[in-house]
Amino acid sequence: MQAIDYLKYIVDEIHSTVFATVDQEGQPVTCAIDMMDCDENGLYFLTAKGKSLYRRLKKNAYVAFTAMKGEDTMSRVAVSVRGRAEELGPERLPALFAKKPYMAKIYPDEASRSALTVFRICEGTGEWFDLSKTPVERASFSFGGAAEPDNGYFVTGRCISCKLCYAKCPQQCIDITRKPAFIRQENCLHCGNCYEVCPARAVERRGTV
């Protein structure tokens, strides 16, 4: 899938997210935020200027969220995004209310909507994680000009083909017919077993894993 496909999945299939920002002391704060729309420029959400979320966003524009869909753990898809949010103002509100009619029940008239403003996550990276697949399915993506993330565990040229990494891998997602062995990133749990067991220290950890 392309980045826009992941963004559309967040908006259309999941919608509600657990959203993280930091307060004035740098402590993490979470709240529930609905992702209202998306396009090639990013993800759109709204909040009221009187909310503490608004003040946190104005002080520190960087955000992160996770959105999940599934009846239980083994049927669950999770999409996580981190990036920079910018305030756009109220101009896009009519389009967002038209797309998500339930918002009219929360803010029923123009007077009650006067405090609302729209934000866009305009530059970010994300990760798709699908536990309903065997082996699991993982993918990284970026949008808005952000650099493609390079996260995970990778086998370097120090590999001695001992195959211990494969024996410890819960998803058996390491190709040991190659030298160095090759970790299939699209199926990796990021558990770190390969990193811990490798006697040659040939496994390299990159990014935010």
Protein backbone atom coordinates (compact mmCIF):
# COMPACT_ATOMS: atom_id res chain seq x y z
CA MET A 1 0.00 0.00 0.00
CA GLN A 2 0.98 3.63 -0.49
CA ALA A 3 1.10 6.19 2.34
CA ILE A 4 -2.30 7.62 1.37
CA ASP A 5 -3.84 4.15 1.71
CA TYR A 6 -2.69 3.90 5.33
CA LEU A 7 -4.02 7.39 6.05
CA LYS A 8 -7.39 6.52 4.49
CA TYR A 9 -7.54 3.34 6.56
CA ILE A 10 -7.03 5.39 9.72
CA VAL A 11 -9.81 7.84 8.79
CA ASP A 12 -12.36 5.47 7.26
CA GLU A 13 -11.83 2.14 9.03
CA ILE A 14 -10.68 3.17 12.52
CA HIS A 15 -11.31 6.90 12.97
CA SER A 16 -10.78 7.18 16.76
CA THR A 17 -7.20 7.30 18.01
CA VAL A 18 -5.27 7.49 21.27
CA PHE A 19 -3.36 10.73 20.84
CA ALA A 20 -0.20 11.73 22.73
CA THR A 21 1.29 15.17 23.34
CA VAL A 22 3.45 16.63 26.13
CA ASP A 23 2.49 19.19 28.75
CA GLN A 24 4.42 22.26 29.89
CA GLU A 25 6.60 20.11 32.15
CA GLY A 26 7.42 17.76 29.30
CA GLN A 27 5.24 14.97 30.73
CA PRO A 28 3.22 12.78 28.34
CA VAL A 29 -0.55 13.34 28.08
CA THR A 30 -2.99 11.18 26.10
CA CYS A 31 -6.50 11.89 24.86
CA ALA A 32 -9.00 10.45 22.38
CA ILE A 33 -8.97 12.25 19.03
CA ASP A 34 -10.98 11.44 15.90
CA MET A 35 -9.12 11.68 12.61
CA MET A 36 -11.64 13.49 10.40
CA ASP A 37 -10.11 13.42 6.93
CA CYS A 38 -6.92 12.93 4.95
CA ASP A 39 -5.35 13.71 1.61
CA GLU A 40 -1.89 13.74 0.11
CA ASN A 41 -1.02 16.63 2.44
CA GLY A 42 -1.71 14.76 5.67
CA LEU A 43 -4.32 13.95 8.34
CA TYR A 44 -6.94 16.40 9.63
CA PHE A 45 -8.46 16.67 13.09
CA LEU A 46 -10.11 19.42 15.10
CA THR A 47 -10.23 20.68 18.65
CA ALA A 48 -11.57 23.64 20.59
CA LYS A 49 -9.30 26.53 21.50
CA GLY A 50 -10.39 26.29 25.13
CA LYS A 51 -9.08 22.76 25.52
CA SER A 52 -5.75 21.95 27.10
CA LEU A 53 -4.90 19.94 23.96
CA TYR A 54 -4.97 23.17 21.96
CA ARG A 55 -2.51 24.81 24.35
CA ARG A 56 -0.22 21.80 24.23
CA LEU A 57 -0.26 21.77 20.43
CA LYS A 58 0.59 25.48 20.26
CA LYS A 59 3.53 24.99 22.61
CA ASN A 60 4.85 21.80 21.01
CA ALA A 61 3.53 20.84 17.59
CA TYR A 62 4.86 17.27 17.61
CA VAL A 63 2.31 14.53 18.22
CA ALA A 64 1.96 10.77 18.13
CA PHE A 65 -1.04 8.47 18.06
CA THR A 66 -2.07 4.86 17.70
CA ALA A 67 -5.28 3.65 16.07
CA MET A 68 -6.44 0.03 16.39
CA LYS A 69 -9.14 -2.15 14.83
CA GLY A 70 -10.08 -5.72 15.72
CA GLU A 71 -12.18 -7.73 18.12
CA ASP A 72 -9.22 -9.16 20.01
CA THR A 73 -5.44 -9.16 19.97
CA MET A 74 -5.05 -11.81 17.27
CA SER A 75 -7.43 -10.07 14.87
CA ARG A 76 -6.04 -6.60 15.44
CA VAL A 77 -4.57 -4.06 13.04
CA ALA A 78 -2.67 -1.17 14.61
CA VAL A 79 -1.45 1.94 12.82
CA SER A 80 0.88 4.34 14.66
CA VAL A 81 1.83 7.81 13.43
CA ARG A 82 4.18 10.48 14.71
CA GLY A 83 4.71 13.89 13.18
CA ARG A 84 4.21 17.64 13.23
CA ALA A 85 0.77 19.28 13.47
CA GLU A 86 -0.03 22.74 12.13
CA GLU A 87 -3.12 24.85 12.82
CA LEU A 88 -5.17 25.66 9.72
CA GLY A 89 -8.02 27.57 11.35
CA PRO A 90 -11.80 27.14 10.90
CA GLU A 91 -12.12 27.30 7.10
CA ARG A 92 -12.18 23.52 6.66
CA LEU A 93 -14.80 22.94 9.38
CA PRO A 94 -17.86 22.80 7.06
CA ALA A 95 -16.23 20.08 4.95
CA LEU A 96 -15.29 18.05 8.04
CA PHE A 97 -18.79 18.35 9.53
CA ALA A 98 -20.24 17.23 6.19
CA LYS A 99 -17.92 14.23 6.11
CA LYS A 100 -18.61 13.28 9.76
CA PRO A 101 -22.28 14.24 10.46
CA TYR A 102 -22.14 13.02 14.07
CA MET A 103 -20.15 16.16 14.91
CA ALA A 104 -23.37 18.20 14.57
CA LYS A 105 -24.73 16.39 17.63
CA ILE A 106 -21.74 17.55 19.67
CA TYR A 107 -21.58 21.09 18.26
CA PRO A 108 -25.13 21.70 16.96
CA ASP A 109 -24.93 25.28 15.66
CA GLU A 110 -22.56 27.91 14.37
CA ALA A 111 -22.32 29.63 17.74
CA SER A 112 -21.11 26.44 19.45
CA ARG A 113 -18.61 25.82 16.66
CA SER A 114 -16.96 29.21 16.96
CA ALA A 115 -14.28 27.84 19.29
CA LEU A 116 -13.27 25.03 16.92
CA THR A 117 -10.14 25.02 14.81
CA VAL A 118 -8.66 22.48 12.42
CA PHE A 119 -5.18 21.00 12.62
CA ARG A 120 -3.31 18.97 10.04
CA ILE A 121 -0.56 16.46 10.73
CA CYS A 122 1.41 17.70 7.77
CA GLU A 123 4.70 15.84 8.07
CA GLY A 124 5.01 12.41 9.61
CA THR A 125 6.01 8.78 9.63
CA GLY A 126 3.95 5.74 10.45
CA GLU A 127 3.92 2.03 11.04
CA TRP A 128 1.33 -0.58 10.10
CA PHE A 129 1.16 -3.73 12.21
CA ASP A 130 -1.31 -6.55 11.42
CA LEU A 131 -1.48 -9.42 13.92
CA SER A 132 -4.28 -11.14 12.02
CA LYS A 133 -1.77 -12.38 9.43
CA THR A 134 0.59 -15.36 9.79
CA PRO A 135 3.38 -14.38 9.91
CA VAL A 136 2.55 -10.91 11.18
CA GLU A 137 2.61 -8.06 8.68
CA ARG A 138 4.52 -4.85 9.31
CA ALA A 139 5.13 -1.85 7.05
CA SER A 140 6.55 1.65 7.47
CA PHE A 141 5.45 4.75 5.57
CA SER A 142 5.98 8.50 5.49
CA PHE A 143 4.02 11.50 4.22
CA GLY A 144 4.34 15.26 3.84
CA GLY A 145 8.01 15.14 2.92
CA ALA A 146 9.18 13.29 6.05
CA ALA A 147 12.07 10.87 5.57
CA GLU A 148 11.14 7.20 5.24
CA PRO A 149 11.76 5.53 8.63
CA ASP A 150 14.59 3.01 8.89
CA ASN A 151 13.56 0.98 11.92
CA GLY A 152 14.23 -2.60 12.86
CA TYR A 153 16.93 -5.22 13.18
CA PHE A 154 19.35 -5.89 10.33
CA VAL A 155 22.08 -8.52 9.89
CA THR A 156 25.49 -7.12 8.95
CA GLY A 157 28.53 -8.67 7.27
CA ARG A 158 29.80 -10.00 10.59
CA CYS A 159 27.29 -12.87 10.27
CA ILE A 160 28.92 -16.32 10.75
CA SER A 161 25.87 -18.34 9.58
CA CYS A 162 25.36 -20.01 12.96
CA LYS A 163 21.56 -19.92 12.48
CA LEU A 164 20.90 -19.12 16.13
CA CYS A 165 18.90 -16.05 15.13
CA TYR A 166 16.47 -18.19 13.13
CA ALA A 167 16.08 -20.64 16.00
CA LYS A 168 15.07 -17.80 18.34
CA CYS A 169 12.83 -15.91 15.89
CA PRO A 170 9.15 -16.37 16.87
CA GLN A 171 7.99 -15.56 13.33
CA GLN A 172 10.76 -17.51 11.50
CA CYS A 173 11.19 -14.44 9.35
CA ILE A 174 14.97 -14.74 8.89
CA ASP A 175 16.31 -16.15 5.63
CA ILE A 176 19.35 -18.21 6.65
CA THR A 177 20.04 -19.44 3.11
CA ARG A 178 21.90 -16.16 2.57
CA LYS A 179 25.12 -14.88 4.12
CA PRO A 180 24.66 -12.61 5.87
CA ALA A 181 21.26 -13.85 6.96
CA PHE A 182 18.37 -11.59 5.93
CA ILE A 183 15.53 -10.43 8.18
CA ARG A 184 12.24 -9.92 6.35
CA GLN A 185 11.20 -6.57 7.79
CA GLU A 186 7.58 -6.99 6.70
CA ASN A 187 7.18 -9.92 9.12
CA CYS A 188 9.45 -8.89 12.01
CA LEU A 189 8.02 -8.42 15.53
CA HIS A 190 10.97 -6.21 16.60
CA CYS A 191 11.31 -8.46 19.66
CA GLY A 192 15.13 -8.32 19.57
CA ASN A 193 15.72 -12.06 20.09
CA CYS A 194 18.10 -12.17 17.13
CA TYR A 195 20.04 -9.20 18.49
CA GLU A 196 20.42 -10.79 21.92
CA VAL A 197 21.41 -14.28 20.78
CA CYS A 198 23.91 -13.47 18.00
CA PRO A 199 27.41 -14.55 19.16
CA ALA A 200 29.13 -12.46 16.48
CA ARG A 201 27.14 -9.29 17.31
CA ALA A 202 26.19 -9.23 13.66
CA VAL A 203 22.63 -7.96 14.23
CA GLU A 204 22.26 -4.20 14.19
CA ARG A 205 19.39 -2.28 15.79
CA ARG A 206 18.27 0.83 13.89
CA GLY A 207 15.81 3.62 14.50
CA THR A 208 13.29 3.69 17.34
CA VAL A 209 12.81 -0.05 17.98
